[in-house]
Amino acid sequence: MKDYEIMNIGKYTFGLCFTLGSISLVGYLITTNDAFVAGGYMLLIFGTIINLLIALGLLVYGIADRSKLKPCMKAILIIMINIPIAYIYALIGLSLIFK
């Protein structure tokens, strides 16, 4: 796998989870529909699992092919940007629900 392909995995994973989380939060803010809350909660659960599996796969690939370790670690760092964003979104969502 080429370096740019590895980086694209990280960018697309980050972008997908970020976009879906933003849609859930903004959708609830606009409509106050509880379906957005349920979708955001499910995204939090399944998104965590998917992000961790992809990060673990990249880490194993980087260890197996030492020349690809640096781009794999960069892609993992991009994916891990979702953690503080998800935490902030969860705090915002919980504060709105339990108002």
N, C-alpha and C. Protein backbone atom coordinates (compact mmCIF):
# COMPACT_ATOMS: atom_id res chain seq x y z
N MET A 1 0.85 -1.17 0.00
CA MET A 1 0.00 0.00 0.00
C MET A 1 0.90 1.24 0.00
N LYS A 2 0.48 2.24 -0.73
CA LYS A 2 1.27 3.46 -0.83
C LYS A 2 0.95 4.39 0.34
N ASP A 3 1.86 5.33 0.60
CA ASP A 3 1.71 6.23 1.74
C ASP A 3 0.43 7.06 1.65
N TYR A 4 0.11 7.56 0.47
CA TYR A 4 -1.09 8.39 0.34
C TYR A 4 -2.35 7.57 0.56
N GLU A 5 -2.33 6.27 0.22
CA GLU A 5 -3.48 5.41 0.47
C GLU A 5 -3.70 5.21 1.97
N ILE A 6 -2.60 5.06 2.69
CA ILE A 6 -2.68 4.91 4.15
C ILE A 6 -3.25 6.19 4.76
N MET A 7 -2.75 7.33 4.32
CA MET A 7 -3.25 8.60 4.85
C MET A 7 -4.73 8.80 4.49
N ASN A 8 -5.13 8.37 3.31
CA ASN A 8 -6.54 8.49 2.92
C ASN A 8 -7.45 7.66 3.81
N ILE A 9 -6.98 6.50 4.25
CA ILE A 9 -7.77 5.69 5.18
C ILE A 9 -8.05 6.49 6.45
N GLY A 10 -7.02 7.12 6.98
CA GLY A 10 -7.19 7.93 8.19
C GLY A 10 -8.09 9.13 7.95
N LYS A 11 -7.90 9.81 6.84
CA LYS A 11 -8.71 11.00 6.54
C LYS A 11 -10.17 10.65 6.31
N TYR A 12 -10.43 9.58 5.56
CA TYR A 12 -11.81 9.21 5.27
C TYR A 12 -12.53 8.70 6.52
N THR A 13 -11.82 7.95 7.35
CA THR A 13 -12.42 7.48 8.59
C THR A 13 -12.76 8.65 9.50
N PHE A 14 -11.82 9.58 9.64
CA PHE A 14 -12.07 10.77 10.44
C PHE A 14 -13.24 11.55 9.87
N GLY A 15 -13.21 11.80 8.57
CA GLY A 15 -14.24 12.61 7.93
C GLY A 15 -15.62 12.01 8.05
N LEU A 16 -15.74 10.70 7.87
CA LEU A 16 -17.03 10.04 7.95
C LEU A 16 -17.61 10.14 9.35
N CYS A 17 -16.82 9.80 10.35
CA CYS A 17 -17.31 9.85 11.73
C CYS A 17 -17.60 11.28 12.17
N PHE A 18 -16.76 12.21 11.78
CA PHE A 18 -16.99 13.61 12.13
C PHE A 18 -18.27 14.13 11.49
N THR A 19 -18.48 13.81 10.22
CA THR A 19 -19.66 14.27 9.51
C THR A 19 -20.94 13.68 10.11
N LEU A 20 -20.92 12.38 10.38
CA LEU A 20 -22.11 11.75 10.96
C LEU A 20 -22.40 12.30 12.36
N GLY A 21 -21.36 12.53 13.16
CA GLY A 21 -21.56 13.11 14.48
C GLY A 21 -22.09 14.52 14.41
N SER A 22 -21.59 15.30 13.48
CA SER A 22 -22.07 16.67 13.31
C SER A 22 -23.52 16.70 12.84
N ILE A 23 -23.87 15.79 11.94
CA ILE A 23 -25.26 15.70 11.48
C ILE A 23 -26.17 15.35 12.65
N SER A 24 -25.75 14.43 13.49
CA SER A 24 -26.56 14.05 14.65
C SER A 24 -26.76 15.22 15.60
N LEU A 25 -25.69 15.93 15.91
CA LEU A 25 -25.79 17.05 16.84
C LEU A 25 -26.60 18.21 16.27
N VAL A 26 -26.27 18.62 15.06
CA VAL A 26 -26.97 19.75 14.45
C VAL A 26 -28.43 19.38 14.16
N GLY A 27 -28.65 18.13 13.75
CA GLY A 27 -30.02 17.69 13.51
C GLY A 27 -30.87 17.77 14.76
N TYR A 28 -30.30 17.38 15.90
CA TYR A 28 -31.06 17.49 17.14
C TYR A 28 -31.26 18.94 17.55
N LEU A 29 -30.23 19.77 17.34
CA LEU A 29 -30.36 21.18 17.68
C LEU A 29 -31.46 21.87 16.88
N ILE A 30 -31.60 21.49 15.62
CA ILE A 30 -32.58 22.13 14.75
C ILE A 30 -33.98 21.57 14.99
N THR A 31 -34.09 20.24 15.09
CA THR A 31 -35.42 19.63 15.12
C THR A 31 -35.87 19.17 16.50
N THR A 32 -34.97 18.98 17.43
CA THR A 32 -35.21 18.35 18.74
C THR A 32 -35.89 16.99 18.60
N ASN A 33 -35.58 16.30 17.52
CA ASN A 33 -36.09 14.96 17.27
C ASN A 33 -35.18 13.96 17.99
N ASP A 34 -35.78 13.08 18.79
CA ASP A 34 -35.00 12.13 19.57
C ASP A 34 -34.30 11.07 18.71
N ALA A 35 -34.71 10.94 17.46
CA ALA A 35 -34.03 9.99 16.57
C ALA A 35 -32.58 10.40 16.35
N PHE A 36 -32.31 11.68 16.34
CA PHE A 36 -30.93 12.15 16.20
C PHE A 36 -30.10 11.79 17.43
N VAL A 37 -30.73 11.82 18.59
CA VAL A 37 -30.04 11.43 19.82
C VAL A 37 -29.69 9.94 19.76
N ALA A 38 -30.66 9.12 19.35
CA ALA A 38 -30.42 7.69 19.26
C ALA A 38 -29.34 7.39 18.22
N GLY A 39 -29.40 8.08 17.09
CA GLY A 39 -28.38 7.89 16.05
C GLY A 39 -27.01 8.32 16.52
N GLY A 40 -26.94 9.42 17.23
CA GLY A 40 -25.66 9.89 17.77
C GLY A 40 -25.09 8.93 18.80
N TYR A 41 -25.97 8.38 19.63
CA TYR A 41 -25.53 7.41 20.64
C TYR A 41 -25.00 6.14 19.97
N MET A 42 -25.72 5.65 18.97
CA MET A 42 -25.26 4.47 18.24
C MET A 42 -23.95 4.76 17.51
N LEU A 43 -23.83 5.95 16.97
CA LEU A 43 -22.58 6.33 16.32
C LEU A 43 -21.43 6.35 17.32
N LEU A 44 -21.70 6.82 18.52
CA LEU A 44 -20.67 6.85 19.55
C LEU A 44 -20.19 5.44 19.86
N ILE A 45 -21.10 4.49 19.95
CA ILE A 45 -20.73 3.11 20.25
C ILE A 45 -20.02 2.46 19.07
N PHE A 46 -20.71 2.43 17.92
CA PHE A 46 -20.14 1.74 16.76
C PHE A 46 -18.96 2.48 16.15
N GLY A 47 -18.99 3.80 16.20
CA GLY A 47 -17.87 4.59 15.69
C GLY A 47 -16.60 4.33 16.48
N THR A 48 -16.74 4.19 17.80
CA THR A 48 -15.59 3.88 18.63
C THR A 48 -14.99 2.53 18.24
N ILE A 49 -15.85 1.54 18.07
CA ILE A 49 -15.38 0.21 17.71
C ILE A 49 -14.70 0.23 16.34
N ILE A 50 -15.33 0.87 15.37
CA ILE A 50 -14.78 0.91 14.01
C ILE A 50 -13.46 1.68 13.98
N ASN A 51 -13.41 2.83 14.66
CA ASN A 51 -12.17 3.61 14.69
C ASN A 51 -11.04 2.83 15.35
N LEU A 52 -11.33 2.13 16.43
CA LEU A 52 -10.30 1.35 17.11
C LEU A 52 -9.82 0.18 16.25
N LEU A 53 -10.74 -0.47 15.55
CA LEU A 53 -10.34 -1.58 14.68
C LEU A 53 -9.47 -1.09 13.52
N ILE A 54 -9.83 0.03 12.94
CA ILE A 54 -9.02 0.58 11.84
C ILE A 54 -7.65 1.01 12.36
N ALA A 55 -7.62 1.65 13.53
CA ALA A 55 -6.34 2.06 14.11
C ALA A 55 -5.48 0.85 14.43
N LEU A 56 -6.10 -0.19 14.97
CA LEU A 56 -5.35 -1.41 15.28
C LEU A 56 -4.82 -2.06 14.00
N GLY A 57 -5.64 -2.09 12.96
CA GLY A 57 -5.20 -2.64 11.67
C GLY A 57 -4.03 -1.86 11.09
N LEU A 58 -4.11 -0.53 11.18
CA LEU A 58 -3.00 0.29 10.68
C LEU A 58 -1.74 0.07 11.52
N LEU A 59 -1.90 -0.08 12.81
CA LEU A 59 -0.75 -0.31 13.68
C LEU A 59 -0.09 -1.65 13.37
N VAL A 60 -0.89 -2.68 13.19
CA VAL A 60 -0.34 -3.99 12.85
C VAL A 60 0.35 -3.94 11.49
N TYR A 61 -0.26 -3.27 10.53
CA TYR A 61 0.35 -3.13 9.21
C TYR A 61 1.67 -2.36 9.29
N GLY A 62 1.69 -1.31 10.09
CA GLY A 62 2.91 -0.53 10.24
C GLY A 62 4.02 -1.30 10.91
N ILE A 63 3.67 -2.14 11.87
CA ILE A 63 4.69 -2.97 12.54
C ILE A 63 5.17 -4.06 11.60
N ALA A 64 4.25 -4.63 10.82
CA ALA A 64 4.65 -5.69 9.88
C ALA A 64 5.54 -5.15 8.77
N ASP A 65 5.25 -3.97 8.29
CA ASP A 65 6.06 -3.35 7.23
C ASP A 65 6.65 -2.06 7.81
N ARG A 66 7.84 -2.18 8.36
CA ARG A 66 8.46 -1.06 9.08
C ARG A 66 8.60 0.21 8.25
N SER A 67 8.69 0.09 6.94
CA SER A 67 8.82 1.28 6.11
C SER A 67 7.51 2.08 6.05
N LYS A 68 6.42 1.46 6.44
CA LYS A 68 5.11 2.13 6.42
C LYS A 68 4.65 2.55 7.81
N LEU A 69 5.49 2.40 8.82
CA LEU A 69 5.08 2.71 10.18
C LEU A 69 4.77 4.20 10.37
N LYS A 70 5.59 5.08 9.80
CA LYS A 70 5.37 6.52 9.98
C LYS A 70 4.05 6.98 9.37
N PRO A 71 3.72 6.63 8.11
CA PRO A 71 2.41 7.04 7.59
C PRO A 71 1.24 6.39 8.34
N CYS A 72 1.44 5.17 8.81
CA CYS A 72 0.39 4.52 9.59
C CYS A 72 0.14 5.26 10.89
N MET A 73 1.20 5.69 11.55
CA MET A 73 1.04 6.44 12.80
C MET A 73 0.39 7.79 12.55
N LYS A 74 0.71 8.43 11.44
CA LYS A 74 0.06 9.70 11.10
C LYS A 74 -1.43 9.50 10.86
N ALA A 75 -1.78 8.42 10.16
CA ALA A 75 -3.19 8.12 9.90
C ALA A 75 -3.92 7.82 11.20
N ILE A 76 -3.28 7.10 12.12
CA ILE A 76 -3.89 6.81 13.42
C ILE A 76 -4.11 8.10 14.19
N LEU A 77 -3.15 9.01 14.15
CA LEU A 77 -3.32 10.29 14.84
C LEU A 77 -4.49 11.10 14.27
N ILE A 78 -4.66 11.05 12.97
CA ILE A 78 -5.79 11.74 12.35
C ILE A 78 -7.11 11.13 12.84
N ILE A 79 -7.16 9.81 12.89
CA ILE A 79 -8.37 9.14 13.36
C ILE A 79 -8.65 9.51 14.82
N MET A 80 -7.60 9.59 15.63
CA MET A 80 -7.78 9.85 17.06
C MET A 80 -8.21 11.29 17.37
N ILE A 81 -8.20 12.15 16.38
CA ILE A 81 -8.73 13.50 16.58
C ILE A 81 -10.23 13.43 16.91
N ASN A 82 -10.89 12.36 16.49
CA ASN A 82 -12.31 12.19 16.77
C ASN A 82 -12.61 12.04 18.26
N ILE A 83 -11.65 11.61 19.05
CA ILE A 83 -11.92 11.36 20.47
C ILE A 83 -12.33 12.64 21.21
N PRO A 84 -11.53 13.72 21.17
CA PRO A 84 -11.99 14.91 21.89
C PRO A 84 -13.23 15.55 21.27
N ILE A 85 -13.37 15.43 19.96
CA ILE A 85 -14.55 15.99 19.30
C ILE A 85 -15.80 15.22 19.76
N ALA A 86 -15.71 13.90 19.81
CA ALA A 86 -16.85 13.09 20.26
C ALA A 86 -17.18 13.40 21.71
N TYR A 87 -16.17 13.62 22.52
CA TYR A 87 -16.40 13.95 23.93
C TYR A 87 -17.13 15.29 24.06
N ILE A 88 -16.69 16.28 23.31
CA ILE A 88 -17.34 17.60 23.34
C ILE A 88 -18.78 17.50 22.83
N TYR A 89 -18.99 16.77 21.74
CA TYR A 89 -20.33 16.60 21.20
C TYR A 89 -21.23 15.87 22.21
N ALA A 90 -20.69 14.87 22.90
CA ALA A 90 -21.47 14.15 23.90
C ALA A 90 -21.85 15.07 25.05
N LEU A 91 -20.93 15.90 25.49
CA LEU A 91 -21.25 16.85 26.57
C LEU A 91 -22.33 17.84 26.14
N ILE A 92 -22.22 18.34 24.93
CA ILE A 92 -23.23 19.27 24.42
C ILE A 92 -24.59 18.58 24.33
N GLY A 93 -24.59 17.38 23.77
CA GLY A 93 -25.84 16.64 23.62
C GLY A 93 -26.48 16.30 24.95
N LEU A 94 -25.68 15.85 25.91
CA LEU A 94 -26.23 15.51 27.22
C LEU A 94 -26.74 16.73 27.95
N SER A 95 -26.06 17.86 27.79
CA SER A 95 -26.53 19.08 28.46
C SER A 95 -27.84 19.57 27.85
N LEU A 96 -28.06 19.31 26.57
CA LEU A 96 -29.31 19.71 25.94
C LEU A 96 -30.46 18.76 26.30
N ILE A 97 -30.15 17.49 26.42
CA ILE A 97 -31.19 16.50 26.73
C ILE A 97 -31.67 16.64 28.17
N PHE A 98 -30.73 16.81 29.09
CA PHE A 98 -31.07 16.86 30.51
C PHE A 98 -31.22 18.29 31.01
N LYS A 99 -31.73 19.15 30.19
CA LYS A 99 -31.92 20.55 30.54
C LYS A 99 -33.06 20.73 31.51
